[in-house]
Protein backbone atom coordinates (compact mmCIF):
# COMPACT_ATOMS: atom_id res chain seq x y z
CA MET A 1 7.92 13.52 3.19
CA ILE A 2 9.93 12.30 0.17
CA GLU A 3 10.69 14.38 -2.93
CA ILE A 4 12.40 12.75 -5.90
CA SER A 5 13.16 15.23 -8.69
CA GLY A 6 14.58 14.35 -12.10
CA VAL A 7 16.56 11.37 -10.83
CA SER A 8 18.57 9.32 -13.33
CA GLN A 9 21.11 6.63 -12.55
CA VAL A 10 23.93 5.36 -14.75
CA PHE A 11 26.06 2.38 -13.76
CA GLN A 12 29.31 1.17 -15.28
CA THR A 13 29.14 -2.51 -16.21
CA SER A 14 32.04 -4.93 -15.75
CA GLY A 15 32.78 -4.42 -19.45
CA ARG A 16 33.10 -0.66 -18.81
CA GLN A 17 29.91 0.08 -20.66
CA SER A 18 27.44 2.67 -19.37
CA HIS A 19 24.04 1.30 -18.34
CA LEU A 20 21.13 3.69 -17.78
CA ALA A 21 19.14 2.10 -14.94
CA LEU A 22 16.74 4.98 -14.14
CA SER A 23 15.67 7.85 -16.36
CA ASN A 24 14.21 11.13 -15.12
CA ILE A 25 12.20 9.87 -12.14
CA SER A 26 10.12 12.48 -10.33
CA LEU A 27 7.85 11.45 -7.47
CA THR A 28 6.41 13.07 -4.34
CA ILE A 29 5.33 10.90 -1.42
CA GLN A 30 3.19 12.43 1.31
CA ASP A 31 3.78 11.97 5.03
CA GLY A 32 2.17 8.74 6.22
CA ALA A 33 1.49 7.35 2.74
CA PHE A 34 2.03 3.72 1.78
CA VAL A 35 3.44 3.69 -1.75
CA SER A 36 4.44 0.57 -3.70
CA ILE A 37 6.71 0.44 -6.75
CA LEU A 38 5.99 -2.21 -9.39
CA GLY A 39 7.69 -3.00 -12.66
CA PRO A 40 9.51 -5.63 -14.71
CA SER A 41 12.70 -7.21 -13.38
CA GLY A 42 15.69 -4.96 -13.92
CA CYS A 43 13.66 -1.75 -14.22
CA GLY A 44 15.49 -0.05 -11.35
CA LYS A 45 12.93 -0.42 -8.53
CA SER A 46 15.52 -1.39 -5.95
CA THR A 47 17.99 1.18 -7.24
CA LEU A 48 15.42 3.92 -6.63
CA LEU A 49 14.91 2.63 -3.08
CA TYR A 50 18.67 2.60 -2.45
CA ILE A 51 18.91 6.19 -3.69
CA VAL A 52 16.20 7.30 -1.24
CA GLY A 53 18.00 5.31 1.46
CA GLY A 54 21.20 7.21 0.72
CA PHE A 55 23.12 4.04 -0.17
CA VAL A 56 23.54 5.13 -3.80
CA ALA A 57 24.03 8.70 -5.06
CA PRO A 58 21.99 9.52 -8.19
CA SER A 59 23.86 10.40 -11.37
CA GLN A 60 21.40 13.25 -11.93
CA GLY A 61 18.58 14.83 -9.97
CA THR A 62 17.87 15.38 -6.30
CA THR A 63 16.20 13.52 -3.45
CA ARG A 64 14.91 15.04 -0.21
CA VAL A 65 13.31 13.84 3.00
CA LYS A 66 11.36 16.45 4.97
CA GLY A 67 12.93 19.09 2.74
CA LYS A 68 16.52 18.06 3.50
CA ALA A 69 18.78 16.75 0.76
CA ILE A 70 19.69 13.06 1.09
CA THR A 71 23.47 12.77 1.28
CA GLY A 72 23.74 9.30 2.83
CA PRO A 73 21.96 6.81 5.06
CA GLY A 74 20.29 8.14 8.19
CA PRO A 75 18.13 6.99 11.11
CA ASP A 76 15.14 8.82 9.61
CA ARG A 77 15.00 6.10 6.89
CA GLY A 78 14.78 2.48 7.98
CA PRO A 79 15.56 -0.24 5.41
CA VAL A 80 13.92 -3.68 5.54
CA PHE A 81 15.36 -5.90 2.83
CA GLN A 82 14.71 -9.45 1.66
CA GLU A 83 18.01 -10.76 3.06
CA PHE A 84 17.07 -10.09 6.72
CA ALA A 85 20.62 -8.84 7.52
CA LEU A 86 20.44 -9.87 11.17
CA PHE A 87 23.50 -10.19 13.40
CA PRO A 88 23.88 -13.99 13.74
CA TRP A 89 25.78 -13.67 17.02
CA LYS A 90 22.99 -11.67 18.68
CA SER A 91 19.69 -12.97 20.00
CA VAL A 92 16.33 -11.61 18.82
CA LEU A 93 16.39 -9.17 21.73
CA GLY A 94 20.01 -8.24 21.05
CA ASN A 95 19.28 -7.54 17.39
CA VAL A 96 16.32 -5.30 18.16
CA MET A 97 18.17 -3.48 20.98
CA TYR A 98 21.12 -2.67 18.73
CA GLY A 99 19.63 0.47 17.19
CA PRO A 100 18.49 2.18 20.40
CA ARG A 101 21.80 1.37 22.10
CA GLN A 102 23.69 2.92 19.17
CA GLN A 103 21.51 6.00 19.58
CA GLY A 104 22.55 6.32 23.22
CA VAL A 105 19.42 4.90 24.84
CA SER A 106 20.10 3.28 28.22
CA SER A 107 20.23 -0.50 28.32
CA ALA A 108 17.10 -0.77 30.47
CA GLU A 109 15.07 1.57 28.26
CA ALA A 110 16.34 -0.08 25.06
CA GLU A 111 15.33 -3.48 26.41
CA ALA A 112 11.87 -2.25 27.41
CA GLN A 113 11.28 -0.69 23.98
CA SER A 114 12.62 -3.77 22.19
CA ARG A 115 10.47 -6.20 24.15
CA GLN A 116 7.42 -4.14 23.24
CA LEU A 117 8.36 -4.23 19.54
CA ILE A 118 9.08 -7.96 19.65
CA GLU A 119 5.62 -8.53 21.08
CA MET A 120 4.12 -6.23 18.44
CA VAL A 121 5.58 -8.33 15.60
CA GLY A 122 4.32 -11.54 17.22
CA LEU A 123 7.57 -12.95 18.61
CA LYS A 124 7.00 -12.77 22.35
CA GLY A 125 8.69 -15.78 23.90
CA PHE A 126 11.45 -15.85 21.27
CA GLU A 127 13.55 -13.01 22.73
CA HIS A 128 16.54 -15.26 23.45
CA PHE A 129 16.48 -17.28 20.23
CA TYR A 130 19.24 -16.72 17.65
CA PRO A 131 18.65 -16.15 13.90
CA LYS A 132 19.77 -19.69 12.99
CA GLU A 133 16.97 -21.01 15.21
CA LEU A 134 14.24 -19.02 13.43
CA SER A 135 12.19 -19.59 10.27
CA GLY A 136 12.38 -17.15 7.36
CA GLY A 137 9.15 -15.45 8.39
CA MET A 138 10.36 -15.06 11.97
CA LYS A 139 13.66 -13.58 10.80
CA GLN A 140 11.77 -11.02 8.74
CA ARG A 141 9.67 -10.11 11.79
CA VAL A 142 12.90 -9.53 13.73
CA ALA A 143 14.27 -7.41 10.87
CA LEU A 144 11.11 -5.28 10.91
CA ALA A 145 11.22 -4.86 14.70
CA ARG A 146 14.91 -3.94 14.56
CA THR A 147 14.21 -1.26 11.98
CA LEU A 148 11.21 0.10 13.90
CA ALA A 149 13.42 0.38 17.00
CA TYR A 150 15.26 3.26 15.32
CA HIS A 151 11.93 5.17 15.13
CA PRO A 152 12.47 6.06 11.45
CA ALA A 153 10.04 8.42 9.78
CA VAL A 154 10.25 6.35 6.57
CA LEU A 155 10.32 2.59 6.03
CA LEU A 156 12.13 1.47 2.86
CA MET A 157 11.09 -2.10 2.06
CA ASP A 158 12.72 -4.00 -0.81
CA GLU A 159 10.66 -7.13 -1.52
CA PRO A 160 10.75 -7.99 2.18
CA PHE A 161 8.37 -10.94 1.78
CA GLY A 162 9.61 -12.16 -1.59
CA ALA A 163 11.49 -15.21 -0.27
CA LEU A 164 8.68 -16.43 1.98
CA ASP A 165 6.02 -19.05 1.37
CA ALA A 166 2.54 -17.83 0.45
CA HIS A 167 0.99 -18.41 3.89
CA THR A 168 3.80 -16.63 5.77
CA ARG A 169 3.77 -13.81 3.24
CA THR A 170 0.04 -13.27 3.76
CA ARG A 171 0.44 -13.21 7.54
CA LEU A 172 3.28 -10.70 7.37
CA GLN A 173 1.34 -8.47 4.98
CA ASN A 174 -1.49 -8.36 7.51
CA ASP A 175 0.94 -7.70 10.37
CA LEU A 176 2.63 -4.90 8.41
CA LEU A 177 -0.72 -3.22 7.74
CA ASN A 178 -1.66 -3.47 11.41
CA ILE A 179 1.64 -1.85 12.43
CA TRP A 180 1.24 0.82 9.75
CA GLU A 181 -2.31 1.59 10.90
CA ARG A 182 -0.95 2.22 14.41
CA ASP A 183 2.04 4.38 13.51
CA ARG A 184 1.25 5.69 9.99
CA LYS A 185 4.89 5.85 9.01
CA THR A 186 5.68 6.69 5.40
CA VAL A 187 6.39 3.45 3.53
CA LEU A 188 8.11 3.01 0.16
CA PHE A 189 7.64 -0.65 -0.77
CA VAL A 190 9.19 -2.49 -3.72
CA THR A 191 7.44 -5.67 -4.87
CA HIS A 192 6.88 -7.88 -7.91
CA SER A 193 3.39 -8.83 -6.72
CA VAL A 194 0.47 -6.76 -8.06
CA GLU A 195 -1.91 -8.26 -5.49
CA GLU A 196 0.47 -7.36 -2.66
CA ALA A 197 0.85 -3.79 -3.92
CA VAL A 198 -2.90 -3.22 -4.28
CA PHE A 199 -3.67 -4.80 -0.91
CA LEU A 200 -1.12 -2.69 1.00
CA SER A 201 -0.93 0.64 -0.77
CA ASP A 202 -2.42 4.10 -1.09
CA LYS A 203 -0.59 4.56 -4.39
CA VAL A 204 1.05 2.17 -6.83
CA VAL A 205 3.85 3.45 -9.06
CA VAL A 206 4.20 1.36 -12.24
CA MET A 207 7.59 1.57 -13.94
CA THR A 208 8.61 0.72 -17.48
CA ARG A 209 11.24 -1.84 -18.42
CA SER A 210 14.88 -0.69 -18.25
CA PRO A 211 15.75 2.12 -18.27
CA GLY A 212 13.14 2.61 -15.58
CA ARG A 213 10.70 5.47 -16.02
CA ILE A 214 7.37 6.09 -14.34
CA LYS A 215 4.65 4.77 -16.62
CA ARG A 216 1.66 5.43 -14.36
CA ILE A 217 0.77 6.33 -10.76
CA ILE A 218 -2.48 4.76 -9.58
CA ASP A 219 -4.38 5.91 -6.50
CA ILE A 220 -5.79 2.86 -4.68
CA ASP A 221 -9.19 3.97 -3.41
CA LEU A 222 -10.10 1.04 -1.17
CA PRO A 223 -11.40 1.33 2.41
CA ARG A 224 -9.12 0.96 5.42
CA PRO A 225 -8.54 -0.98 7.57
CA ARG A 226 -8.30 -3.61 4.86
CA ARG A 227 -9.51 -7.16 5.28
CA ARG A 228 -8.20 -9.62 2.71
CA ALA A 229 -11.30 -11.83 2.69
CA GLU A 230 -13.50 -8.81 1.96
CA LEU A 231 -11.19 -7.36 -0.69
CA LEU A 232 -11.00 -10.61 -2.62
CA LEU A 233 -14.75 -10.27 -3.23
CA ASP A 234 -14.58 -6.55 -4.00
CA PRO A 235 -14.87 -5.83 -7.76
CA HIS A 236 -12.90 -2.58 -7.30
CA TYR A 237 -9.95 -4.53 -5.86
CA GLN A 238 -10.18 -7.06 -8.69
CA LYS A 239 -10.24 -4.29 -11.30
CA TYR A 240 -7.15 -2.62 -9.83
CA VAL A 241 -5.27 -5.94 -9.99
CA VAL A 242 -6.35 -6.70 -13.57
CA ASP A 243 -5.65 -3.16 -14.82
CA ILE A 244 -2.21 -2.94 -13.23
CA GLU A 245 -1.27 -6.42 -14.47
CA GLY A 246 -2.17 -5.18 -17.93
CA MET A 247 0.04 -2.10 -17.55
CA ILE A 248 3.03 -4.24 -16.61
CA ASP A 249 2.41 -6.77 -19.39
CA ASP A 250 1.81 -4.10 -22.02
CA THR A 251 5.21 -3.44 -23.59
CA SER A 252 4.02 -1.18 -26.39
CA GLU A 253 4.77 2.07 -24.56
CA ASP A 254 8.15 0.80 -23.42
CA GLU A 255 9.13 -0.21 -26.92
CA LEU A 256 8.62 3.33 -28.12
CA HIS A 257 11.55 4.33 -25.88
CA PRO A 258 14.23 1.66 -26.22
């Protein structure tokens, strides 16, 4: 589904210095896989997501979705970011309907699809509320439903639950997995949380400190559907979390490549 080949990214700082954010990233993500990217702050996780989204062009290398070169944003890739990015002047229903209407879907059909998605993310009854009337967790549910309304093949999620309290974050993780189990979209998910990455993912990509390189790719061999209460008692889950925490904390390999 996604092919990243030899991608490097150089930015110009405000002082006109060159900053290498990503160095020679190569990664293949299969159709329907849930892949999380972990690494220290500033290692280029979000930059890599923006490159796949087509929001940033790589300085070197190529990126493809379904074999086609990525030249810009497209409806085949749906971003869900931490900032929600909802239209404040539109209701929940209006926000979710926006994508289908832009794609030429009739108003009646767009409304029917959107109401179904709103119910799927647990917001039935809130269709006519506005973003300012919603909690952070509810706004993120709306953002997810709005993205799903485009019917993207790929979900690009940049720390979507990072600003939420622990209880809301746990609920939304469970909801996301339930939605993913139904549709099996390809998901590329950036997070700082090792537990979140292990709980959600088929694969976890661990990156080095800046400039970001791939340090290790770990296959998460845990049964699905996943139940948090069961996994917390599973020694395999615990070992994944401990091992990956150690990879992120271990700076020795990074220091060999300043």
